[in-house]
Amino acid sequence: MSDRHNTRRIRNLLAIVISAFFAVVGVAGYQRTSDPMQLMLFLALAVVSLVLVMIVFKGIDKLLDSLDKE
């Protein structure tokens, strides 16, 4: 798979930063409250945000490809 528009680095960095944010918030919240449900919720949000960023950037790549064809 080629990265013709050079979005891979931005996509990966953004996905890691957002996922790490949710993971850190979840761990910090768990340390304060000892509520495992809160930890699981934030870890699930980290995974969902990772997937969401990947989907958004796939759409951006398709949009850029369609602009190149015109």
PDB file of N, CA and C in Angstrom:
ATOM      1  N   MET A   1       0.846  -1.174   0.000  1.00  0.00           N
ATOM      2  CA  MET A   1       0.000   0.000   0.000  1.00  0.00           C
ATOM      3  C   MET A   1       0.894   1.240   0.000  1.00  0.00           C
ATOM      4  N   SER A   2       0.672   2.107  -0.935  1.00  0.00           N
ATOM      5  CA  SER A   2       1.514   3.296  -1.040  1.00  0.00           C
ATOM      6  C   SER A   2       0.893   4.460  -0.271  1.00  0.00           C
ATOM      7  N   ASP A   3       1.748   5.376   0.094  1.00  0.00           N
ATOM      8  CA  ASP A   3       1.323   6.568   0.825  1.00  0.00           C
ATOM      9  C   ASP A   3       1.618   7.779  -0.056  1.00  0.00           C
ATOM     10  N   ARG A   4       0.818   7.937  -1.109  1.00  0.00           N
ATOM     11  CA  ARG A   4       1.078   8.973  -2.107  1.00  0.00           C
ATOM     12  C   ARG A   4       0.932  10.384  -1.556  1.00  0.00           C
ATOM     13  N   HIS A   5       0.103  10.562  -0.540  1.00  0.00           N
ATOM     14  CA  HIS A   5      -0.156  11.900  -0.006  1.00  0.00           C
ATOM     15  C   HIS A   5       0.581  12.165   1.302  1.00  0.00           C
ATOM     16  N   ASN A   6       1.441  11.244   1.694  1.00  0.00           N
ATOM     17  CA  ASN A   6       2.257  11.383   2.909  1.00  0.00           C
ATOM     18  C   ASN A   6       1.418  11.653   4.158  1.00  0.00           C
ATOM     19  N   THR A   7       0.339  10.911   4.313  1.00  0.00           N
ATOM     20  CA  THR A   7      -0.516  11.079   5.492  1.00  0.00           C
ATOM     21  C   THR A   7      -0.260  10.005   6.547  1.00  0.00           C
ATOM     22  N   ARG A   8       0.537   9.007   6.228  1.00  0.00           N
ATOM     23  CA  ARG A   8       0.754   7.901   7.168  1.00  0.00           C
ATOM     24  C   ARG A   8       1.376   8.371   8.474  1.00  0.00           C
ATOM     25  N   ARG A   9       2.377   9.228   8.396  1.00  0.00           N
ATOM     26  CA  ARG A   9       3.059   9.684   9.611  1.00  0.00           C
ATOM     27  C   ARG A   9       2.111  10.503  10.484  1.00  0.00           C
ATOM     28  N   ILE A  10       1.332  11.384   9.861  1.00  0.00           N
ATOM     29  CA  ILE A  10       0.368  12.200  10.613  1.00  0.00           C
ATOM     30  C   ILE A  10      -0.693  11.307  11.232  1.00  0.00           C
ATOM     31  N   ARG A  11      -1.203  10.357  10.450  1.00  0.00           N
ATOM     32  CA  ARG A  11      -2.235   9.441  10.940  1.00  0.00           C
ATOM     33  C   ARG A  11      -1.738   8.650  12.145  1.00  0.00           C
ATOM     34  N   ASN A  12      -0.547   8.088  12.036  1.00  0.00           N
ATOM     35  CA  ASN A  12      -0.009   7.282  13.131  1.00  0.00           C
ATOM     36  C   ASN A  12       0.241   8.121  14.379  1.00  0.00           C
ATOM     37  N   LEU A  13       0.808   9.300  14.201  1.00  0.00           N
ATOM     38  CA  LEU A  13       1.089  10.164  15.347  1.00  0.00           C
ATOM     39  C   LEU A  13      -0.197  10.584  16.044  1.00  0.00           C
ATOM     40  N   LEU A  14      -1.180  10.998  15.267  1.00  0.00           N
ATOM     41  CA  LEU A  14      -2.454  11.423  15.848  1.00  0.00           C
ATOM     42  C   LEU A  14      -3.158  10.267  16.557  1.00  0.00           C
ATOM     43  N   ALA A  15      -3.152   9.093  15.953  1.00  0.00           N
ATOM     44  CA  ALA A  15      -3.793   7.927  16.562  1.00  0.00           C
ATOM     45  C   ALA A  15      -3.116   7.557  17.879  1.00  0.00           C
ATOM     46  N   ILE A  16      -1.792   7.597  17.906  1.00  0.00           N
ATOM     47  CA  ILE A  16      -1.063   7.248  19.131  1.00  0.00           C
ATOM     48  C   ILE A  16      -1.316   8.268  20.230  1.00  0.00           C
ATOM     49  N   VAL A  17      -1.291   9.551  19.882  1.00  0.00           N
ATOM     50  CA  VAL A  17      -1.491  10.599  20.892  1.00  0.00           C
ATOM     51  C   VAL A  17      -2.890  10.520  21.502  1.00  0.00           C
ATOM     52  N   ILE A  18      -3.902  10.376  20.663  1.00  0.00           N
ATOM     53  CA  ILE A  18      -5.277  10.320  21.181  1.00  0.00           C
ATOM     54  C   ILE A  18      -5.500   9.053  22.007  1.00  0.00           C
ATOM     55  N   SER A  19      -5.008   7.927  21.538  1.00  0.00           N
ATOM     56  CA  SER A  19      -5.171   6.676  22.281  1.00  0.00           C
ATOM     57  C   SER A  19      -4.409   6.720  23.602  1.00  0.00           C
ATOM     58  N   ALA A  20      -3.212   7.271  23.576  1.00  0.00           N
ATOM     59  CA  ALA A  20      -2.430   7.375  24.806  1.00  0.00           C
ATOM     60  C   ALA A  20      -3.121   8.292  25.812  1.00  0.00           C
ATOM     61  N   PHE A  21      -3.747   9.360  25.334  1.00  0.00           N
ATOM     62  CA  PHE A  21      -4.477  10.256  26.223  1.00  0.00           C
ATOM     63  C   PHE A  21      -5.575   9.509  26.972  1.00  0.00           C
ATOM     64  N   PHE A  22      -6.393   8.750  26.233  1.00  0.00           N
ATOM     65  CA  PHE A  22      -7.471   8.010  26.884  1.00  0.00           C
ATOM     66  C   PHE A  22      -6.922   6.942  27.827  1.00  0.00           C
ATOM     67  N   ALA A  23      -5.839   6.300  27.460  1.00  0.00           N
ATOM     68  CA  ALA A  23      -5.243   5.280  28.329  1.00  0.00           C
ATOM     69  C   ALA A  23      -4.707   5.912  29.615  1.00  0.00           C
ATOM     70  N   VAL A  24      -4.047   7.051  29.509  1.00  0.00           N
ATOM     71  CA  VAL A  24      -3.505   7.723  30.694  1.00  0.00           C
ATOM     72  C   VAL A  24      -4.625   8.201  31.603  1.00  0.00           C
ATOM     73  N   VAL A  25      -5.669   8.760  31.019  1.00  0.00           N
ATOM     74  CA  VAL A  25      -6.808   9.210  31.826  1.00  0.00           C
ATOM     75  C   VAL A  25      -7.455   8.017  32.535  1.00  0.00           C
ATOM     76  N   GLY A  26      -7.566   6.908  31.836  1.00  0.00           N
ATOM     77  CA  GLY A  26      -8.152   5.714  32.442  1.00  0.00           C
ATOM     78  C   GLY A  26      -7.321   5.171  33.587  1.00  0.00           C
ATOM     79  N   VAL A  27      -6.021   5.108  33.411  1.00  0.00           N
ATOM     80  CA  VAL A  27      -5.135   4.605  34.477  1.00  0.00           C
ATOM     81  C   VAL A  27      -5.135   5.563  35.665  1.00  0.00           C
ATOM     82  N   ALA A  28      -5.076   6.864  35.402  1.00  0.00           N
ATOM     83  CA  ALA A  28      -5.111   7.843  36.493  1.00  0.00           C
ATOM     84  C   ALA A  28      -6.434   7.768  37.252  1.00  0.00           C
ATOM     85  N   GLY A  29      -7.519   7.615  36.516  1.00  0.00           N
ATOM     86  CA  GLY A  29      -8.818   7.499  37.172  1.00  0.00           C
ATOM     87  C   GLY A  29      -8.926   6.222  37.998  1.00  0.00           C
ATOM     88  N   TYR A  30      -8.356   5.148  37.472  1.00  0.00           N
ATOM     89  CA  TYR A  30      -8.389   3.883  38.213  1.00  0.00           C
ATOM     90  C   TYR A  30      -7.569   3.988  39.499  1.00  0.00           C
ATOM     91  N   GLN A  31      -6.449   4.680  39.443  1.00  0.00           N
ATOM     92  CA  GLN A  31      -5.620   4.837  40.641  1.00  0.00           C
ATOM     93  C   GLN A  31      -6.331   5.652  41.703  1.00  0.00           C
ATOM     94  N   ARG A  32      -7.159   6.596  41.288  1.00  0.00           N
ATOM     95  CA  ARG A  32      -7.884   7.427  42.255  1.00  0.00           C
ATOM     96  C   ARG A  32      -9.113   6.717  42.816  1.00  0.00           C
ATOM     97  N   THR A  33      -9.830   5.981  41.939  1.00  0.00           N
ATOM     98  CA  THR A  33     -11.120   5.430  42.366  1.00  0.00           C
ATOM     99  C   THR A  33     -11.110   3.921  42.580  1.00  0.00           C
ATOM    100  N   SER A  34     -10.117   3.231  42.052  1.00  0.00           N
ATOM    101  CA  SER A  34     -10.051   1.758  42.089  1.00  0.00           C
ATOM    102  C   SER A  34     -11.279   1.125  41.444  1.00  0.00           C
ATOM    103  N   ASP A  35     -11.829   1.805  40.444  1.00  0.00           N
ATOM    104  CA  ASP A  35     -13.002   1.309  39.738  1.00  0.00           C
ATOM    105  C   ASP A  35     -12.552   0.676  38.419  1.00  0.00           C
ATOM    106  N   PRO A  36     -12.566  -0.659  38.337  1.00  0.00           N
ATOM    107  CA  PRO A  36     -12.090  -1.304  37.108  1.00  0.00           C
ATOM    108  C   PRO A  36     -12.985  -1.029  35.899  1.00  0.00           C
ATOM    109  N   MET A  37     -14.258  -0.721  36.131  1.00  0.00           N
ATOM    110  CA  MET A  37     -15.161  -0.415  35.034  1.00  0.00           C
ATOM    111  C   MET A  37     -14.739   0.877  34.332  1.00  0.00           C
ATOM    112  N   GLN A  38     -14.305   1.852  35.110  1.00  0.00           N
ATOM    113  CA  GLN A  38     -13.825   3.108  34.543  1.00  0.00           C
ATOM    114  C   GLN A  38     -12.564   2.874  33.712  1.00  0.00           C
ATOM    115  N   LEU A  39     -11.670   2.052  34.204  1.00  0.00           N
ATOM    116  CA  LEU A  39     -10.455   1.726  33.461  1.00  0.00           C
ATOM    117  C   LEU A  39     -10.798   1.041  32.146  1.00  0.00           C
ATOM    118  N   MET A  40     -11.695   0.071  32.177  1.00  0.00           N
ATOM    119  CA  MET A  40     -12.086  -0.637  30.961  1.00  0.00           C
ATOM    120  C   MET A  40     -12.753   0.299  29.956  1.00  0.00           C
ATOM    121  N   LEU A  41     -13.562   1.225  30.446  1.00  0.00           N
ATOM    122  CA  LEU A  41     -14.225   2.182  29.569  1.00  0.00           C
ATOM    123  C   LEU A  41     -13.200   3.044  28.829  1.00  0.00           C
ATOM    124  N   PHE A  42     -12.225   3.564  29.544  1.00  0.00           N
ATOM    125  CA  PHE A  42     -11.235   4.421  28.906  1.00  0.00           C
ATOM    126  C   PHE A  42     -10.285   3.634  28.003  1.00  0.00           C
ATOM    127  N   LEU A  43      -9.989   2.393  28.345  1.00  0.00           N
ATOM    128  CA  LEU A  43      -9.165   1.580  27.448  1.00  0.00           C
ATOM    129  C   LEU A  43      -9.943   1.246  26.174  1.00  0.00           C
ATOM    130  N   ALA A  44     -11.239   1.014  26.313  1.00  0.00           N
ATOM    131  CA  ALA A  44     -12.069   0.788  25.123  1.00  0.00           C
ATOM    132  C   ALA A  44     -12.138   2.055  24.277  1.00  0.00           C
ATOM    133  N   LEU A  45     -12.230   3.219  24.914  1.00  0.00           N
ATOM    134  CA  LEU A  45     -12.221   4.481  24.181  1.00  0.00           C
ATOM    135  C   LEU A  45     -10.903   4.682  23.446  1.00  0.00           C
ATOM    136  N   ALA A  46      -9.810   4.229  24.031  1.00  0.00           N
ATOM    137  CA  ALA A  46      -8.503   4.328  23.376  1.00  0.00           C
ATOM    138  C   ALA A  46      -8.491   3.507  22.092  1.00  0.00           C
ATOM    139  N   VAL A  47      -9.039   2.303  22.150  1.00  0.00           N
ATOM    140  CA  VAL A  47      -9.080   1.446  20.961  1.00  0.00           C
ATOM    141  C   VAL A  47     -10.021   2.020  19.906  1.00  0.00           C
ATOM    142  N   VAL A  48     -11.179   2.493  20.342  1.00  0.00           N
ATOM    143  CA  VAL A  48     -12.155   3.065  19.410  1.00  0.00           C
ATOM    144  C   VAL A  48     -11.574   4.313  18.741  1.00  0.00           C
ATOM    145  N   SER A  49     -10.874   5.142  19.498  1.00  0.00           N
ATOM    146  CA  SER A  49     -10.292   6.349  18.903  1.00  0.00           C
ATOM    147  C   SER A  49      -9.209   5.985  17.896  1.00  0.00           C
ATOM    148  N   LEU A  50      -8.461   4.936  18.161  1.00  0.00           N
ATOM    149  CA  LEU A  50      -7.440   4.475  17.215  1.00  0.00           C
ATOM    150  C   LEU A  50      -8.090   4.064  15.894  1.00  0.00           C
ATOM    151  N   VAL A  51      -9.144   3.278  15.983  1.00  0.00           N
ATOM    152  CA  VAL A  51      -9.849   2.823  14.784  1.00  0.00           C
ATOM    153  C   VAL A  51     -10.510   4.006  14.066  1.00  0.00           C
ATOM    154  N   LEU A  52     -11.092   4.916  14.813  1.00  0.00           N
ATOM    155  CA  LEU A  52     -11.755   6.074  14.218  1.00  0.00           C
ATOM    156  C   LEU A  52     -10.769   6.955  13.449  1.00  0.00           C
ATOM    157  N   VAL A  53      -9.598   7.179  14.000  1.00  0.00           N
ATOM    158  CA  VAL A  53      -8.587   7.979  13.297  1.00  0.00           C
ATOM    159  C   VAL A  53      -8.170   7.280  12.003  1.00  0.00           C
ATOM    160  N   MET A  54      -8.010   5.964  12.058  1.00  0.00           N
ATOM    161  CA  MET A  54      -7.635   5.219  10.850  1.00  0.00           C
ATOM    162  C   MET A  54      -8.715   5.348   9.770  1.00  0.00           C
ATOM    163  N   ILE A  55      -9.982   5.264  10.167  1.00  0.00           N
ATOM    164  CA  ILE A  55     -11.082   5.375   9.211  1.00  0.00           C
ATOM    165  C   ILE A  55     -11.140   6.782   8.617  1.00  0.00           C
ATOM    166  N   VAL A  56     -10.985   7.799   9.445  1.00  0.00           N
ATOM    167  CA  VAL A  56     -11.025   9.178   8.962  1.00  0.00           C
ATOM    168  C   VAL A  56      -9.906   9.425   7.956  1.00  0.00           C
ATOM    169  N   PHE A  57      -8.713   8.944   8.248  1.00  0.00           N
ATOM    170  CA  PHE A  57      -7.603   9.178   7.329  1.00  0.00           C
ATOM    171  C   PHE A  57      -7.729   8.348   6.054  1.00  0.00           C
ATOM    172  N   LYS A  58      -8.386   7.215   6.129  1.00  0.00           N
ATOM    173  CA  LYS A  58      -8.669   6.465   4.901  1.00  0.00           C
ATOM    174  C   LYS A  58      -9.587   7.281   3.992  1.00  0.00           C
ATOM    175  N   GLY A  59     -10.572   7.927   4.594  1.00  0.00           N
ATOM    176  CA  GLY A  59     -11.468   8.801   3.836  1.00  0.00           C
ATOM    177  C   GLY A  59     -10.737  10.011   3.267  1.00  0.00           C
ATOM    178  N   ILE A  60      -9.841  10.578   4.048  1.00  0.00           N
ATOM    179  CA  ILE A  60      -9.059  11.714   3.565  1.00  0.00           C
ATOM    180  C   ILE A  60      -8.193  11.294   2.383  1.00  0.00           C
ATOM    181  N   ASP A  61      -7.579  10.115   2.466  1.00  0.00           N
ATOM    182  CA  ASP A  61      -6.763   9.622   1.353  1.00  0.00           C
ATOM    183  C   ASP A  61      -7.611   9.417   0.090  1.00  0.00           C
ATOM    184  N   LYS A  62      -8.817   8.874   0.259  1.00  0.00           N
ATOM    185  CA  LYS A  62      -9.707   8.683  -0.902  1.00  0.00           C
ATOM    186  C   LYS A  62     -10.108  10.026  -1.501  1.00  0.00           C
ATOM    187  N   LEU A  63     -10.387  10.991  -0.645  1.00  0.00           N
ATOM    188  CA  LEU A  63     -10.740  12.328  -1.121  1.00  0.00           C
ATOM    189  C   LEU A  63      -9.587  12.945  -1.891  1.00  0.00           C
ATOM    190  N   LEU A  64      -8.372  12.836  -1.371  1.00  0.00           N
ATOM    191  CA  LEU A  64      -7.205  13.363  -2.072  1.00  0.00           C
ATOM    192  C   LEU A  64      -6.956  12.640  -3.390  1.00  0.00           C
ATOM    193  N   ASP A  65      -7.212  11.328  -3.402  1.00  0.00           N
ATOM    194  CA  ASP A  65      -7.074  10.560  -4.656  1.00  0.00           C
ATOM    195  C   ASP A  65      -8.078  11.054  -5.698  1.00  0.00           C
ATOM    196  N   SER A  66      -9.303  11.328  -5.264  1.00  0.00           N
ATOM    197  CA  SER A  66     -10.319  11.784  -6.226  1.00  0.00           C
ATOM    198  C   SER A  66      -9.986  13.181  -6.752  1.00  0.00           C
ATOM    199  N   LEU A  67      -9.360  14.011  -5.925  1.00  0.00           N
ATOM    200  CA  LEU A  67      -8.962  15.333  -6.394  1.00  0.00           C
ATOM    201  C   LEU A  67      -7.810  15.247  -7.385  1.00  0.00           C
ATOM    202  N   ASP A  68      -6.943  14.243  -7.212  1.00  0.00           N
ATOM    203  CA  ASP A  68      -5.823  14.055  -8.135  1.00  0.00           C
ATOM    204  C   ASP A  68      -6.307  13.619  -9.514  1.00  0.00           C
ATOM    205  N   LYS A  69      -7.401  12.861  -9.566  1.00  0.00           N
ATOM    206  CA  LYS A  69      -7.902  12.342 -10.841  1.00  0.00           C
ATOM    207  C   LYS A  69      -8.563  13.433 -11.683  1.00  0.00           C
ATOM    208  N   GLU A  70      -9.036  14.472 -11.047  1.00  0.00           N
ATOM    209  CA  GLU A  70      -9.754  15.542 -11.776  1.00  0.00           C
ATOM    210  C   GLU A  70      -8.791  16.538 -12.384  1.00  0.00           C
TER     211      GLU A  70
END
